[in-house]
């Protein structure tokens, strides 16, 4: 298998990736909170369940980005 050569990231690139990931997590949480509240307080609706699932997925993606950024050269 071919391995891709990893490019060394500059400090500015790392800060930019970290800021983007943190902003993405914040937006995903802001979308999820009302949907979670509606799921708990009102009858079940698929739209709210889909928003919660999408939010969890986005938070997971951004956390993985932050972890990979830390371990990258």
C-alpha atoms as a PDB file:
ATOM      1  CA  UNK A   1       0.000   0.000   0.000  1.00  0.00           C
ATOM      2  CA  UNK A   2       1.067   3.522  -0.658  1.00  0.00           C
ATOM      3  CA  UNK A   3       1.429   5.860   2.260  1.00  0.00           C
ATOM      4  CA  UNK A   4       0.789   9.514   1.858  1.00  0.00           C
ATOM      5  CA  UNK A   5       3.510  11.809   3.070  1.00  0.00           C
ATOM      6  CA  UNK A   6       2.224  13.958   5.910  1.00  0.00           C
ATOM      7  CA  UNK A   7       2.763  17.642   5.478  1.00  0.00           C
ATOM      8  CA  UNK A   8       4.065  19.520   8.494  1.00  0.00           C
ATOM      9  CA  UNK A   9       1.450  22.046   9.593  1.00  0.00           C
ATOM     10  CA  UNK A  10       2.394  25.527  10.685  1.00  0.00           C
ATOM     11  CA  UNK A  11       1.218  26.980  13.989  1.00  0.00           C
ATOM     12  CA  UNK A  12      -1.278  29.224  12.177  1.00  0.00           C
ATOM     13  CA  UNK A  13      -2.773  26.250  10.323  1.00  0.00           C
ATOM     14  CA  UNK A  14      -3.122  24.334  13.583  1.00  0.00           C
ATOM     15  CA  UNK A  15      -4.847  27.286  15.283  1.00  0.00           C
ATOM     16  CA  UNK A  16      -7.190  27.656  12.326  1.00  0.00           C
ATOM     17  CA  UNK A  17      -8.122  23.955  12.369  1.00  0.00           C
ATOM     18  CA  UNK A  18      -8.621  24.023  16.142  1.00  0.00           C
ATOM     19  CA  UNK A  19     -10.807  27.135  15.977  1.00  0.00           C
ATOM     20  CA  UNK A  20     -12.887  25.668  13.172  1.00  0.00           C
ATOM     21  CA  UNK A  21     -13.395  22.421  15.059  1.00  0.00           C
ATOM     22  CA  UNK A  22     -14.413  24.206  18.261  1.00  0.00           C
ATOM     23  CA  UNK A  23     -16.846  26.451  16.375  1.00  0.00           C
ATOM     24  CA  UNK A  24     -18.295  23.383  14.653  1.00  0.00           C
ATOM     25  CA  UNK A  25     -18.814  21.654  17.999  1.00  0.00           C
ATOM     26  CA  UNK A  26     -20.520  24.757  19.362  1.00  0.00           C
ATOM     27  CA  UNK A  27     -22.895  25.019  16.411  1.00  0.00           C
ATOM     28  CA  UNK A  28     -23.731  21.306  16.563  1.00  0.00           C
ATOM     29  CA  UNK A  29     -24.530  21.577  20.271  1.00  0.00           C
ATOM     30  CA  UNK A  30     -26.684  24.666  19.681  1.00  0.00           C
ATOM     31  CA  UNK A  31     -28.697  22.723  17.094  1.00  0.00           C
ATOM     32  CA  UNK A  32     -28.973  19.647  19.310  1.00  0.00           C
ATOM     33  CA  UNK A  33     -30.121  21.283  22.560  1.00  0.00           C
ATOM     34  CA  UNK A  34     -33.623  22.339  21.395  1.00  0.00           C
ATOM     35  CA  UNK A  35     -34.121  18.993  19.629  1.00  0.00           C
ATOM     36  CA  UNK A  36     -33.161  17.059  22.781  1.00  0.00           C
ATOM     37  CA  UNK A  37     -35.531  19.218  24.819  1.00  0.00           C
ATOM     38  CA  UNK A  38     -38.385  18.573  22.378  1.00  0.00           C
ATOM     39  CA  UNK A  39     -37.657  14.830  22.428  1.00  0.00           C
ATOM     40  CA  UNK A  40     -37.901  14.797  26.221  1.00  0.00           C
ATOM     41  CA  UNK A  41     -40.866  17.161  26.647  1.00  0.00           C
ATOM     42  CA  UNK A  42     -43.078  16.466  23.616  1.00  0.00           C
ATOM     43  CA  UNK A  43     -44.267  13.425  21.689  1.00  0.00           C
ATOM     44  CA  UNK A  44     -41.661  11.714  19.518  1.00  0.00           C
ATOM     45  CA  UNK A  45     -40.905  13.327  16.151  1.00  0.00           C
ATOM     46  CA  UNK A  46     -38.465  11.946  13.595  1.00  0.00           C
ATOM     47  CA  UNK A  47     -37.144  15.406  12.747  1.00  0.00           C
ATOM     48  CA  UNK A  48     -35.872  15.917  16.280  1.00  0.00           C
ATOM     49  CA  UNK A  49     -34.312  12.450  16.362  1.00  0.00           C
ATOM     50  CA  UNK A  50     -32.566  13.156  13.043  1.00  0.00           C
ATOM     51  CA  UNK A  51     -31.233  16.491  14.349  1.00  0.00           C
ATOM     52  CA  UNK A  52     -29.849  14.810  17.461  1.00  0.00           C
ATOM     53  CA  UNK A  53     -28.231  12.048  15.391  1.00  0.00           C
ATOM     54  CA  UNK A  54     -26.708  14.589  12.989  1.00  0.00           C
ATOM     55  CA  UNK A  55     -25.458  16.687  15.901  1.00  0.00           C
ATOM     56  CA  UNK A  56     -23.808  13.702  17.574  1.00  0.00           C
ATOM     57  CA  UNK A  57     -22.172  12.804  14.269  1.00  0.00           C
ATOM     58  CA  UNK A  58     -20.834  16.327  13.757  1.00  0.00           C
ATOM     59  CA  UNK A  59     -19.492  16.551  17.302  1.00  0.00           C
ATOM     60  CA  UNK A  60     -17.752  13.208  16.806  1.00  0.00           C
ATOM     61  CA  UNK A  61     -16.165  14.351  13.533  1.00  0.00           C
ATOM     62  CA  UNK A  62     -14.845  17.551  15.097  1.00  0.00           C
ATOM     63  CA  UNK A  63     -13.487  15.764  18.163  1.00  0.00           C
ATOM     64  CA  UNK A  64     -11.633  13.348  15.879  1.00  0.00           C
ATOM     65  CA  UNK A  65     -10.194  16.351  14.009  1.00  0.00           C
ATOM     66  CA  UNK A  66      -8.898  17.791  17.286  1.00  0.00           C
ATOM     67  CA  UNK A  67      -7.387  14.464  18.386  1.00  0.00           C
ATOM     68  CA  UNK A  68      -5.708  13.887  15.011  1.00  0.00           C
ATOM     69  CA  UNK A  69      -4.377  17.455  15.067  1.00  0.00           C
ATOM     70  CA  UNK A  70      -2.708  16.792  18.401  1.00  0.00           C
ATOM     71  CA  UNK A  71      -1.045  13.583  17.204  1.00  0.00           C
ATOM     72  CA  UNK A  72      -0.035  14.921  13.773  1.00  0.00           C
ATOM     73  CA  UNK A  73       3.612  15.830  13.166  1.00  0.00           C
END
